[in-house]
Amino acid sequence: MLVLLASSAYADIRNGKNLYQNRCAICHGENAKGNGPLAHKSTPPTPDLTAKAFQQRLANYPGLIVSSIILRPNGDRIPRTLRENGIKLAPHAWTVQDLRDVNEYMRTLMNKQ
């Protein structure tokens, strides 16, 4: 996890945007407000990532939020929601760089709000 805390100067915002749009926006929406096509089809519903509470958690624990959701210590929620709605995503072998890139891209989305 310490590697995720490295400076955002090492983040590739283009890769982060690509990963977010292809793997996250289906639930979180293009603007990260939790309004994607599958937002209300998961339990609990998809959160608004631009909410102040989420922004504070992301600031307090950089990278931890993104990696914990993607790596799913809470179980099968994301794959189950996709499966139940007929969405097939190719497997992705997440790297530390990917996690850093998505984290930084999400920060840019939040700063636009």
PDB file of N, CA and C in Angstrom:
ATOM      1  N   MET A   1       0.805  -1.197   0.000  1.00  0.00           N
ATOM      2  CA  MET A   1       0.000   0.000   0.000  1.00  0.00           C
ATOM      3  C   MET A   1       0.847   1.260   0.000  1.00  0.00           C
ATOM      4  N   LEU A   2       2.033   1.212   0.550  1.00  0.00           N
ATOM      5  CA  LEU A   2       2.870   2.400   0.590  1.00  0.00           C
ATOM      6  C   LEU A   2       3.193   2.897  -0.800  1.00  0.00           C
ATOM      7  N   VAL A   3       3.278   1.985  -1.753  1.00  0.00           N
ATOM      8  CA  VAL A   3       3.570   2.392  -3.116  1.00  0.00           C
ATOM      9  C   VAL A   3       2.459   3.283  -3.658  1.00  0.00           C
ATOM     10  N   LEU A   4       1.216   3.035  -3.234  1.00  0.00           N
ATOM     11  CA  LEU A   4       0.091   3.845  -3.680  1.00  0.00           C
ATOM     12  C   LEU A   4       0.179   5.271  -3.164  1.00  0.00           C
ATOM     13  N   LEU A   5       0.901   5.460  -2.081  1.00  0.00           N
ATOM     14  CA  LEU A   5       1.000   6.775  -1.487  1.00  0.00           C
ATOM     15  C   LEU A   5       2.007   7.663  -2.195  1.00  0.00           C
ATOM     16  N   ALA A   6       2.702   7.128  -3.167  1.00  0.00           N
ATOM     17  CA  ALA A   6       3.695   7.911  -3.897  1.00  0.00           C
ATOM     18  C   ALA A   6       3.036   9.088  -4.589  1.00  0.00           C
ATOM     19  N   SER A   7       3.817  10.053  -4.924  1.00  0.00           N
ATOM     20  CA  SER A   7       3.339  11.289  -5.533  1.00  0.00           C
ATOM     21  C   SER A   7       2.462  11.028  -6.751  1.00  0.00           C
ATOM     22  N   SER A   8       1.461  11.885  -6.912  1.00  0.00           N
ATOM     23  CA  SER A   8       0.598  11.768  -8.082  1.00  0.00           C
ATOM     24  C   SER A   8       1.357  12.072  -9.366  1.00  0.00           C
ATOM     25  N   ALA A   9       2.562  12.588  -9.246  1.00  0.00           N
ATOM     26  CA  ALA A   9       3.386  12.841 -10.430  1.00  0.00           C
ATOM     27  C   ALA A   9       3.656  11.550 -11.192  1.00  0.00           C
ATOM     28  N   TYR A  10       3.529  10.429 -10.524  1.00  0.00           N
ATOM     29  CA  TYR A  10       3.766   9.137 -11.165  1.00  0.00           C
ATOM     30  C   TYR A  10       2.505   8.560 -11.787  1.00  0.00           C
ATOM     31  N   ALA A  11       1.385   9.244 -11.658  1.00  0.00           N
ATOM     32  CA  ALA A  11       0.130   8.735 -12.187  1.00  0.00           C
ATOM     33  C   ALA A  11      -0.027   9.085 -13.663  1.00  0.00           C
ATOM     34  N   ASP A  12      -0.600   8.164 -14.402  1.00  0.00           N
ATOM     35  CA  ASP A  12      -0.912   8.373 -15.817  1.00  0.00           C
ATOM     36  C   ASP A  12      -2.416   8.615 -15.898  1.00  0.00           C
ATOM     37  N   ILE A  13      -2.798   9.870 -15.984  1.00  0.00           N
ATOM     38  CA  ILE A  13      -4.209  10.239 -15.949  1.00  0.00           C
ATOM     39  C   ILE A  13      -4.983   9.641 -17.123  1.00  0.00           C
ATOM     40  N   ARG A  14      -4.325   9.449 -18.264  1.00  0.00           N
ATOM     41  CA  ARG A  14      -5.012   8.844 -19.422  1.00  0.00           C
ATOM     42  C   ARG A  14      -5.378   7.400 -19.130  1.00  0.00           C
ATOM     43  N   ASN A  15      -4.461   6.662 -18.522  1.00  0.00           N
ATOM     44  CA  ASN A  15      -4.752   5.279 -18.158  1.00  0.00           C
ATOM     45  C   ASN A  15      -5.861   5.246 -17.104  1.00  0.00           C
ATOM     46  N   GLY A  16      -5.792   6.137 -16.125  1.00  0.00           N
ATOM     47  CA  GLY A  16      -6.828   6.202 -15.097  1.00  0.00           C
ATOM     48  C   GLY A  16      -8.196   6.485 -15.679  1.00  0.00           C
ATOM     49  N   LYS A  17      -8.254   7.422 -16.615  1.00  0.00           N
ATOM     50  CA  LYS A  17      -9.530   7.761 -17.265  1.00  0.00           C
ATOM     51  C   LYS A  17     -10.058   6.564 -18.042  1.00  0.00           C
ATOM     52  N   ASN A  18      -9.191   5.920 -18.804  1.00  0.00           N
ATOM     53  CA  ASN A  18      -9.595   4.755 -19.585  1.00  0.00           C
ATOM     54  C   ASN A  18     -10.129   3.642 -18.685  1.00  0.00           C
ATOM     55  N   LEU A  19      -9.410   3.342 -17.623  1.00  0.00           N
ATOM     56  CA  LEU A  19      -9.862   2.295 -16.697  1.00  0.00           C
ATOM     57  C   LEU A  19     -11.181   2.680 -16.044  1.00  0.00           C
ATOM     58  N   TYR A  20     -11.289   3.927 -15.590  1.00  0.00           N
ATOM     59  CA  TYR A  20     -12.525   4.375 -14.942  1.00  0.00           C
ATOM     60  C   TYR A  20     -13.699   4.271 -15.916  1.00  0.00           C
ATOM     61  N   GLN A  21     -13.540   4.799 -17.128  1.00  0.00           N
ATOM     62  CA  GLN A  21     -14.648   4.794 -18.080  1.00  0.00           C
ATOM     63  C   GLN A  21     -15.049   3.386 -18.490  1.00  0.00           C
ATOM     64  N   ASN A  22     -14.079   2.482 -18.591  1.00  0.00           N
ATOM     65  CA  ASN A  22     -14.382   1.128 -19.034  1.00  0.00           C
ATOM     66  C   ASN A  22     -14.789   0.178 -17.917  1.00  0.00           C
ATOM     67  N   ARG A  23     -14.445   0.494 -16.668  1.00  0.00           N
ATOM     68  CA  ARG A  23     -14.680  -0.458 -15.596  1.00  0.00           C
ATOM     69  C   ARG A  23     -15.491   0.096 -14.432  1.00  0.00           C
ATOM     70  N   CYS A  24     -15.635   1.407 -14.325  1.00  0.00           N
ATOM     71  CA  CYS A  24     -16.281   2.011 -13.153  1.00  0.00           C
ATOM     72  C   CYS A  24     -17.524   2.824 -13.509  1.00  0.00           C
ATOM     73  N   ALA A  25     -17.482   3.500 -14.659  1.00  0.00           N
ATOM     74  CA  ALA A  25     -18.556   4.426 -15.017  1.00  0.00           C
ATOM     75  C   ALA A  25     -19.898   3.733 -15.206  1.00  0.00           C
ATOM     76  N   ILE A  26     -19.903   2.455 -15.497  1.00  0.00           N
ATOM     77  CA  ILE A  26     -21.171   1.741 -15.682  1.00  0.00           C
ATOM     78  C   ILE A  26     -22.039   1.823 -14.422  1.00  0.00           C
ATOM     79  N   CYS A  27     -21.399   1.936 -13.279  1.00  0.00           N
ATOM     80  CA  CYS A  27     -22.149   2.105 -12.020  1.00  0.00           C
ATOM     81  C   CYS A  27     -22.037   3.535 -11.491  1.00  0.00           C
ATOM     82  N   HIS A  28     -20.821   4.062 -11.484  1.00  0.00           N
ATOM     83  CA  HIS A  28     -20.599   5.375 -10.864  1.00  0.00           C
ATOM     84  C   HIS A  28     -20.930   6.537 -11.779  1.00  0.00           C
ATOM     85  N   GLY A  29     -21.086   6.306 -13.078  1.00  0.00           N
ATOM     86  CA  GLY A  29     -21.402   7.370 -14.017  1.00  0.00           C
ATOM     87  C   GLY A  29     -20.158   8.092 -14.492  1.00  0.00           C
ATOM     88  N   GLU A  30     -20.283   8.749 -15.618  1.00  0.00           N
ATOM     89  CA  GLU A  30     -19.157   9.481 -16.210  1.00  0.00           C
ATOM     90  C   GLU A  30     -18.631  10.569 -15.284  1.00  0.00           C
ATOM     91  N   ASN A  31     -19.520  11.141 -14.473  1.00  0.00           N
ATOM     92  CA  ASN A  31     -19.129  12.238 -13.593  1.00  0.00           C
ATOM     93  C   ASN A  31     -18.906  11.788 -12.149  1.00  0.00           C
ATOM     94  N   ALA A  32     -18.952  10.487 -11.902  1.00  0.00           N
ATOM     95  CA  ALA A  32     -18.707   9.867 -10.585  1.00  0.00           C
ATOM     96  C   ALA A  32     -19.772  10.176  -9.547  1.00  0.00           C
ATOM     97  N   LYS A  33     -20.938  10.606  -9.972  1.00  0.00           N
ATOM     98  CA  LYS A  33     -22.006  10.955  -9.041  1.00  0.00           C
ATOM     99  C   LYS A  33     -22.889   9.770  -8.644  1.00  0.00           C
ATOM    100  N   GLY A  34     -22.508   8.566  -9.060  1.00  0.00           N
ATOM    101  CA  GLY A  34     -23.299   7.385  -8.698  1.00  0.00           C
ATOM    102  C   GLY A  34     -24.556   7.273  -9.527  1.00  0.00           C
ATOM    103  N   ASN A  35     -24.495   7.732 -10.768  1.00  0.00           N
ATOM    104  CA  ASN A  35     -25.676   7.750 -11.619  1.00  0.00           C
ATOM    105  C   ASN A  35     -25.489   6.975 -12.926  1.00  0.00           C
ATOM    106  N   GLY A  36     -24.614   5.976 -12.906  1.00  0.00           N
ATOM    107  CA  GLY A  36     -24.412   5.149 -14.097  1.00  0.00           C
ATOM    108  C   GLY A  36     -25.600   4.229 -14.318  1.00  0.00           C
ATOM    109  N   PRO A  37     -25.650   3.558 -15.455  1.00  0.00           N
ATOM    110  CA  PRO A  37     -26.785   2.689 -15.790  1.00  0.00           C
ATOM    111  C   PRO A  37     -27.082   1.601 -14.751  1.00  0.00           C
ATOM    112  N   LEU A  38     -26.072   1.133 -14.028  1.00  0.00           N
ATOM    113  CA  LEU A  38     -26.308   0.081 -13.032  1.00  0.00           C
ATOM    114  C   LEU A  38     -26.294   0.616 -11.596  1.00  0.00           C
ATOM    115  N   ALA A  39     -26.305   1.912 -11.426  1.00  0.00           N
ATOM    116  CA  ALA A  39     -26.144   2.526 -10.101  1.00  0.00           C
ATOM    117  C   ALA A  39     -27.136   2.010  -9.066  1.00  0.00           C
ATOM    118  N   HIS A  40     -28.368   1.826  -9.460  1.00  0.00           N
ATOM    119  CA  HIS A  40     -29.387   1.419  -8.488  1.00  0.00           C
ATOM    120  C   HIS A  40     -29.725  -0.067  -8.577  1.00  0.00           C
ATOM    121  N   LYS A  41     -28.845  -0.806  -9.224  1.00  0.00           N
ATOM    122  CA  LYS A  41     -29.076  -2.240  -9.351  1.00  0.00           C
ATOM    123  C   LYS A  41     -28.156  -3.049  -8.444  1.00  0.00           C
ATOM    124  N   SER A  42     -27.403  -2.371  -7.611  1.00  0.00           N
ATOM    125  CA  SER A  42     -26.557  -3.080  -6.655  1.00  0.00           C
ATOM    126  C   SER A  42     -27.081  -2.821  -5.252  1.00  0.00           C
ATOM    127  N   THR A  43     -26.706  -3.679  -4.345  1.00  0.00           N
ATOM    128  CA  THR A  43     -27.108  -3.526  -2.956  1.00  0.00           C
ATOM    129  C   THR A  43     -25.855  -3.482  -2.114  1.00  0.00           C
ATOM    130  N   PRO A  44     -25.561  -2.372  -1.476  1.00  0.00           N
ATOM    131  CA  PRO A  44     -26.303  -1.118  -1.485  1.00  0.00           C
ATOM    132  C   PRO A  44     -26.102  -0.401  -2.805  1.00  0.00           C
ATOM    133  N   PRO A  45     -26.940   0.624  -3.089  1.00  0.00           N
ATOM    134  CA  PRO A  45     -26.788   1.374  -4.338  1.00  0.00           C
ATOM    135  C   PRO A  45     -25.397   2.003  -4.443  1.00  0.00           C
ATOM    136  N   THR A  46     -24.977   2.243  -5.651  1.00  0.00           N
ATOM    137  CA  THR A  46     -23.669   2.823  -5.933  1.00  0.00           C
ATOM    138  C   THR A  46     -23.555   4.214  -5.303  1.00  0.00           C
ATOM    139  N   PRO A  47     -22.475   4.469  -4.589  1.00  0.00           N
ATOM    140  CA  PRO A  47     -22.331   5.777  -3.951  1.00  0.00           C
ATOM    141  C   PRO A  47     -21.884   6.878  -4.918  1.00  0.00           C
ATOM    142  N   ASP A  48     -22.200   8.100  -4.531  1.00  0.00           N
ATOM    143  CA  ASP A  48     -21.746   9.298  -5.228  1.00  0.00           C
ATOM    144  C   ASP A  48     -20.307   9.546  -4.787  1.00  0.00           C
ATOM    145  N   LEU A  49     -19.365   9.380  -5.696  1.00  0.00           N
ATOM    146  CA  LEU A  49     -17.959   9.541  -5.357  1.00  0.00           C
ATOM    147  C   LEU A  49     -17.555  11.002  -5.205  1.00  0.00           C
ATOM    148  N   THR A  50     -18.439  11.908  -5.598  1.00  0.00           N
ATOM    149  CA  THR A  50     -18.133  13.329  -5.453  1.00  0.00           C
ATOM    150  C   THR A  50     -18.631  13.888  -4.123  1.00  0.00           C
ATOM    151  N   ALA A  51     -19.305  13.057  -3.325  1.00  0.00           N
ATOM    152  CA  ALA A  51     -19.798  13.504  -2.018  1.00  0.00           C
ATOM    153  C   ALA A  51     -18.624  13.876  -1.117  1.00  0.00           C
ATOM    154  N   LYS A  52     -18.833  14.874  -0.286  1.00  0.00           N
ATOM    155  CA  LYS A  52     -17.765  15.360   0.604  1.00  0.00           C
ATOM    156  C   LYS A  52     -17.190  14.237   1.465  1.00  0.00           C
ATOM    157  N   ALA A  53     -18.032  13.349   1.986  1.00  0.00           N
ATOM    158  CA  ALA A  53     -17.551  12.262   2.848  1.00  0.00           C
ATOM    159  C   ALA A  53     -16.580  11.360   2.092  1.00  0.00           C
ATOM    160  N   PHE A  54     -16.906  11.024   0.845  1.00  0.00           N
ATOM    161  CA  PHE A  54     -16.014  10.181   0.063  1.00  0.00           C
ATOM    162  C   PHE A  54     -14.731  10.925  -0.268  1.00  0.00           C
ATOM    163  N   GLN A  55     -14.848  12.193  -0.628  1.00  0.00           N
ATOM    164  CA  GLN A  55     -13.664  12.990  -0.931  1.00  0.00           C
ATOM    165  C   GLN A  55     -12.717  13.036   0.265  1.00  0.00           C
ATOM    166  N   GLN A  56     -13.279  13.159   1.463  1.00  0.00           N
ATOM    167  CA  GLN A  56     -12.448  13.204   2.660  1.00  0.00           C
ATOM    168  C   GLN A  56     -11.751  11.870   2.897  1.00  0.00           C
ATOM    169  N   ARG A  57     -12.479  10.766   2.691  1.00  0.00           N
ATOM    170  CA  ARG A  57     -11.862   9.446   2.852  1.00  0.00           C
ATOM    171  C   ARG A  57     -10.750   9.241   1.842  1.00  0.00           C
ATOM    172  N   LEU A  58     -10.967   9.685   0.603  1.00  0.00           N
ATOM    173  CA  LEU A  58      -9.944   9.542  -0.425  1.00  0.00           C
ATOM    174  C   LEU A  58      -8.715  10.376  -0.073  1.00  0.00           C
ATOM    175  N   ALA A  59      -8.940  11.560   0.488  1.00  0.00           N
ATOM    176  CA  ALA A  59      -7.817  12.413   0.894  1.00  0.00           C
ATOM    177  C   ALA A  59      -7.069  11.809   2.084  1.00  0.00           C
ATOM    178  N   ASN A  60      -7.810  11.235   3.029  1.00  0.00           N
ATOM    179  CA  ASN A  60      -7.199  10.654   4.223  1.00  0.00           C
ATOM    180  C   ASN A  60      -6.460   9.357   3.941  1.00  0.00           C
ATOM    181  N   TYR A  61      -6.965   8.587   2.998  1.00  0.00           N
ATOM    182  CA  TYR A  61      -6.392   7.268   2.692  1.00  0.00           C
ATOM    183  C   TYR A  61      -6.166   7.140   1.193  1.00  0.00           C
ATOM    184  N   PRO A  62      -5.227   7.901   0.628  1.00  0.00           N
ATOM    185  CA  PRO A  62      -5.043   7.864  -0.829  1.00  0.00           C
ATOM    186  C   PRO A  62      -4.733   6.461  -1.330  1.00  0.00           C
ATOM    187  N   GLY A  63      -5.457   6.069  -2.330  1.00  0.00           N
ATOM    188  CA  GLY A  63      -5.244   4.764  -2.939  1.00  0.00           C
ATOM    189  C   GLY A  63      -5.929   3.617  -2.235  1.00  0.00           C
ATOM    190  N   LEU A  64      -6.112   3.725  -0.940  1.00  0.00           N
ATOM    191  CA  LEU A  64      -6.704   2.631  -0.181  1.00  0.00           C
ATOM    192  C   LEU A  64      -8.148   2.375  -0.586  1.00  0.00           C
ATOM    193  N   ILE A  65      -8.911   3.441  -0.785  1.00  0.00           N
ATOM    194  CA  ILE A  65     -10.317   3.284  -1.153  1.00  0.00           C
ATOM    195  C   ILE A  65     -10.424   2.592  -2.508  1.00  0.00           C
ATOM    196  N   VAL A  66      -9.706   3.097  -3.491  1.00  0.00           N
ATOM    197  CA  VAL A  66      -9.766   2.519  -4.834  1.00  0.00           C
ATOM    198  C   VAL A  66      -9.329   1.064  -4.812  1.00  0.00           C
ATOM    199  N   SER A  67      -8.202   0.777  -4.194  1.00  0.00           N
ATOM    200  CA  SER A  67      -7.706  -0.601  -4.211  1.00  0.00           C
ATOM    201  C   SER A  67      -8.619  -1.538  -3.440  1.00  0.00           C
ATOM    202  N   SER A  68      -9.185  -1.083  -2.333  1.00  0.00           N
ATOM    203  CA  SER A  68     -10.046  -1.981  -1.553  1.00  0.00           C
ATOM    204  C   SER A  68     -11.331  -2.307  -2.291  1.00  0.00           C
ATOM    205  N   ILE A  69     -11.858  -1.378  -3.043  1.00  0.00           N
ATOM    206  CA  ILE A  69     -13.086  -1.640  -3.799  1.00  0.00           C
ATOM    207  C   ILE A  69     -12.785  -2.555  -4.982  1.00  0.00           C
ATOM    208  N   ILE A  70     -11.732  -2.244  -5.705  1.00  0.00           N
ATOM    209  CA  ILE A  70     -11.396  -3.049  -6.873  1.00  0.00           C
ATOM    210  C   ILE A  70     -11.016  -4.470  -6.476  1.00  0.00           C
ATOM    211  N   LEU A  71     -10.270  -4.612  -5.396  1.00  0.00           N
ATOM    212  CA  LEU A  71      -9.814  -5.934  -4.972  1.00  0.00           C
ATOM    213  C   LEU A  71     -10.866  -6.695  -4.168  1.00  0.00           C
ATOM    214  N   ARG A  72     -11.966  -6.031  -3.821  1.00  0.00           N
ATOM    215  CA  ARG A  72     -13.178  -6.619  -3.244  1.00  0.00           C
ATOM    216  C   ARG A  72     -12.998  -7.443  -1.972  1.00  0.00           C
ATOM    217  N   PRO A  73     -12.465  -6.876  -0.917  1.00  0.00           N
ATOM    218  CA  PRO A  73     -12.422  -7.650   0.317  1.00  0.00           C
ATOM    219  C   PRO A  73     -13.823  -7.886   0.883  1.00  0.00           C
ATOM    220  N   ASN A  74     -14.802  -7.114   0.407  1.00  0.00           N
ATOM    221  CA  ASN A  74     -16.174  -7.252   0.899  1.00  0.00           C
ATOM    222  C   ASN A  74     -16.972  -8.283   0.125  1.00  0.00           C
ATOM    223  N   GLY A  75     -16.319  -9.023  -0.723  1.00  0.00           N
ATOM    224  CA  GLY A  75     -17.014 -10.093  -1.408  1.00  0.00           C
ATOM    225  C   GLY A  75     -17.264  -9.844  -2.880  1.00  0.00           C
ATOM    226  N   ASP A  76     -18.401 -10.307  -3.337  1.00  0.00           N
ATOM    227  CA  ASP A  76     -18.710 -10.459  -4.746  1.00  0.00           C
ATOM    228  C   ASP A  76     -19.639  -9.371  -5.291  1.00  0.00           C
ATOM    229  N   ARG A  77     -19.790  -8.251  -4.593  1.00  0.00           N
ATOM    230  CA  ARG A  77     -20.804  -7.262  -4.976  1.00  0.00           C
ATOM    231  C   ARG A  77     -20.650  -6.774  -6.419  1.00  0.00           C
ATOM    232  N   ILE A  78     -19.471  -6.352  -6.796  1.00  0.00           N
ATOM    233  CA  ILE A  78     -19.292  -5.786  -8.140  1.00  0.00           C
ATOM    234  C   ILE A  78     -19.480  -6.861  -9.216  1.00  0.00           C
ATOM    235  N   PRO A  79     -18.772  -8.000  -9.132  1.00  0.00           N
ATOM    236  CA  PRO A  79     -18.996  -9.023 -10.169  1.00  0.00           C
ATOM    237  C   PRO A  79     -20.439  -9.528 -10.199  1.00  0.00           C
ATOM    238  N   ARG A  80     -21.058  -9.656  -9.034  1.00  0.00           N
ATOM    239  CA  ARG A  80     -22.443 -10.139  -8.978  1.00  0.00           C
ATOM    240  C   ARG A  80     -23.390  -9.165  -9.677  1.00  0.00           C
ATOM    241  N   THR A  81     -23.237  -7.873  -9.408  1.00  0.00           N
ATOM    242  CA  THR A  81     -24.085  -6.858 -10.041  1.00  0.00           C
ATOM    243  C   THR A  81     -23.912  -6.888 -11.552  1.00  0.00           C
ATOM    244  N   LEU A  82     -22.673  -6.996 -12.006  1.00  0.00           N
ATOM    245  CA  LEU A  82     -22.432  -7.070 -13.445  1.00  0.00           C
ATOM    246  C   LEU A  82     -23.055  -8.329 -14.030  1.00  0.00           C
ATOM    247  N   ARG A  83     -22.829  -9.459 -13.385  1.00  0.00           N
ATOM    248  CA  ARG A  83     -23.358 -10.748 -13.845  1.00  0.00           C
ATOM    249  C   ARG A  83     -24.881 -10.717 -13.922  1.00  0.00           C
ATOM    250  N   GLU A  84     -25.518 -10.221 -12.865  1.00  0.00           N
ATOM    251  CA  GLU A  84     -26.984 -10.193 -12.809  1.00  0.00           C
ATOM    252  C   GLU A  84     -27.598  -9.290 -13.871  1.00  0.00           C
ATOM    253  N   ASN A  85     -26.821  -8.384 -14.411  1.00  0.00           N
ATOM    254  CA  ASN A  85     -27.322  -7.456 -15.414  1.00  0.00           C
ATOM    255  C   ASN A  85     -26.754  -7.726 -16.806  1.00  0.00           C
ATOM    256  N   GLY A  86     -26.151  -8.910 -16.973  1.00  0.00           N
ATOM    257  CA  GLY A  86     -25.679  -9.334 -18.277  1.00  0.00           C
ATOM    258  C   GLY A  86     -24.488  -8.566 -18.821  1.00  0.00           C
ATOM    259  N   ILE A  87     -23.713  -7.935 -17.935  1.00  0.00           N
ATOM    260  CA  ILE A  87     -22.541  -7.171 -18.356  1.00  0.00           C
ATOM    261  C   ILE A  87     -21.317  -8.067 -18.228  1.00  0.00           C
ATOM    262  N   LYS A  88     -20.577  -8.174 -19.314  1.00  0.00           N
ATOM    263  CA  LYS A  88     -19.359  -8.985 -19.303  1.00  0.00           C
ATOM    264  C   LYS A  88     -18.157  -8.078 -19.516  1.00  0.00           C
ATOM    265  N   LEU A  89     -17.315  -8.033 -18.523  1.00  0.00           N
ATOM    266  CA  LEU A  89     -16.062  -7.287 -18.625  1.00  0.00           C
ATOM    267  C   LEU A  89     -14.924  -8.289 -18.681  1.00  0.00           C
ATOM    268  N   ALA A  90     -14.004  -8.041 -19.561  1.00  0.00           N
ATOM    269  CA  ALA A  90     -12.836  -8.909 -19.619  1.00  0.00           C
ATOM    270  C   ALA A  90     -12.070  -8.788 -18.311  1.00  0.00           C
ATOM    271  N   PRO A  91     -11.492  -9.869 -17.834  1.00  0.00           N
ATOM    272  CA  PRO A  91     -10.691  -9.788 -16.609  1.00  0.00           C
ATOM    273  C   PRO A  91      -9.570  -8.773 -16.778  1.00  0.00           C
ATOM    274  N   HIS A  92      -9.200  -8.172 -15.686  1.00  0.00           N
ATOM    275  CA  HIS A  92      -8.103  -7.193 -15.709  1.00  0.00           C
ATOM    276  C   HIS A  92      -7.169  -7.500 -14.544  1.00  0.00           C
ATOM    277  N   ALA A  93      -5.905  -7.652 -14.837  1.00  0.00           N
ATOM    278  CA  ALA A  93      -4.905  -7.890 -13.792  1.00  0.00           C
ATOM    279  C   ALA A  93      -4.423  -6.517 -13.305  1.00  0.00           C
ATOM    280  N   TRP A  94      -5.046  -6.012 -12.239  1.00  0.00           N
ATOM    281  CA  TRP A  94      -4.744  -4.685 -11.716  1.00  0.00           C
ATOM    282  C   TRP A  94      -3.306  -4.613 -11.218  1.00  0.00           C
ATOM    283  N   THR A  95      -2.644  -3.541 -11.607  1.00  0.00           N
ATOM    284  CA  THR A  95      -1.291  -3.289 -11.118  1.00  0.00           C
ATOM    285  C   THR A  95      -1.343  -2.118 -10.135  1.00  0.00           C
ATOM    286  N   VAL A  96      -0.291  -1.941  -9.398  1.00  0.00           N
ATOM    287  CA  VAL A  96      -0.202  -0.791  -8.496  1.00  0.00           C
ATOM    288  C   VAL A  96      -0.320   0.493  -9.311  1.00  0.00           C
ATOM    289  N   GLN A  97       0.286   0.507 -10.485  1.00  0.00           N
ATOM    290  CA  GLN A  97       0.197   1.695 -11.344  1.00  0.00           C
ATOM    291  C   GLN A  97      -1.245   1.973 -11.743  1.00  0.00           C
ATOM    292  N   ASP A  98      -2.001   0.936 -12.097  1.00  0.00           N
ATOM    293  CA  ASP A  98      -3.414   1.112 -12.442  1.00  0.00           C
ATOM    294  C   ASP A  98      -4.184   1.734 -11.281  1.00  0.00           C
ATOM    295  N   LEU A  99      -3.962   1.224 -10.084  1.00  0.00           N
ATOM    296  CA  LEU A  99      -4.655   1.741  -8.905  1.00  0.00           C
ATOM    297  C   LEU A  99      -4.304   3.206  -8.682  1.00  0.00           C
ATOM    298  N   ARG A 100      -3.044   3.530  -8.839  1.00  0.00           N
ATOM    299  CA  ARG A 100      -2.600   4.918  -8.697  1.00  0.00           C
ATOM    300  C   ARG A 100      -3.264   5.797  -9.761  1.00  0.00           C
ATOM    301  N   ASP A 101      -3.322   5.307 -10.994  1.00  0.00           N
ATOM    302  CA  ASP A 101      -3.889   6.078 -12.093  1.00  0.00           C
ATOM    303  C   ASP A 101      -5.385   6.335 -11.896  1.00  0.00           C
ATOM    304  N   VAL A 102      -6.128   5.301 -11.502  1.00  0.00           N
ATOM    305  CA  VAL A 102      -7.564   5.472 -11.266  1.00  0.00           C
ATOM    306  C   VAL A 102      -7.793   6.419 -10.095  1.00  0.00           C
ATOM    307  N   ASN A 103      -7.015   6.267  -9.043  1.00  0.00           N
ATOM    308  CA  ASN A 103      -7.142   7.147  -7.891  1.00  0.00           C
ATOM    309  C   ASN A 103      -6.946   8.610  -8.315  1.00  0.00           C
ATOM    310  N   GLU A 104      -5.929   8.870  -9.098  1.00  0.00           N
ATOM    311  CA  GLU A 104      -5.652  10.243  -9.523  1.00  0.00           C
ATOM    312  C   GLU A 104      -6.736  10.764 -10.467  1.00  0.00           C
ATOM    313  N   TYR A 105      -7.229   9.909 -11.364  1.00  0.00           N
ATOM    314  CA  TYR A 105      -8.305  10.335 -12.260  1.00  0.00           C
ATOM    315  C   TYR A 105      -9.553  10.682 -11.449  1.00  0.00           C
ATOM    316  N   MET A 106      -9.860   9.877 -10.446  1.00  0.00           N
ATOM    317  CA  MET A 106     -11.023  10.169  -9.604  1.00  0.00           C
ATOM    318  C   MET A 106     -10.855  11.506  -8.899  1.00  0.00           C
ATOM    319  N   ARG A 107      -9.649  11.815  -8.478  1.00  0.00           N
ATOM    320  CA  ARG A 107      -9.402  13.110  -7.829  1.00  0.00           C
ATOM    321  C   ARG A 107      -9.679  14.253  -8.804  1.00  0.00           C
ATOM    322  N   THR A 108      -9.339  14.069 -10.092  1.00  0.00           N
ATOM    323  CA  THR A 108      -9.620  15.129 -11.062  1.00  0.00           C
ATOM    324  C   THR A 108     -11.129  15.283 -11.267  1.00  0.00           C
ATOM    325  N   LEU A 109     -11.866  14.166 -11.265  1.00  0.00           N
ATOM    326  CA  LEU A 109     -13.327  14.252 -11.380  1.00  0.00           C
ATOM    327  C   LEU A 109     -13.909  15.034 -10.201  1.00  0.00           C
ATOM    328  N   MET A 110     -13.428  14.745  -9.023  1.00  0.00           N
ATOM    329  CA  MET A 110     -13.938  15.415  -7.822  1.00  0.00           C
ATOM    330  C   MET A 110     -13.602  16.887  -7.818  1.00  0.00           C
ATOM    331  N   ASN A 111     -12.449  17.236  -8.335  1.00  0.00           N
ATOM    332  CA  ASN A 111     -12.045  18.643  -8.370  1.00  0.00           C
ATOM    333  C   ASN A 111     -12.878  19.446  -9.355  1.00  0.00           C
ATOM    334  N   LYS A 112     -13.498  18.775 -10.324  1.00  0.00           N
ATOM    335  CA  LYS A 112     -14.364  19.455 -11.292  1.00  0.00           C
ATOM    336  C   LYS A 112     -15.713  19.812 -10.690  1.00  0.00           C
ATOM    337  N   GLN A 113     -16.075  19.136  -9.607  1.00  0.00           N
ATOM    338  CA  GLN A 113     -17.408  19.333  -9.016  1.00  0.00           C
ATOM    339  C   GLN A 113     -17.504  20.621  -8.241  1.00  0.00           C
TER     340      GLN A 113
END
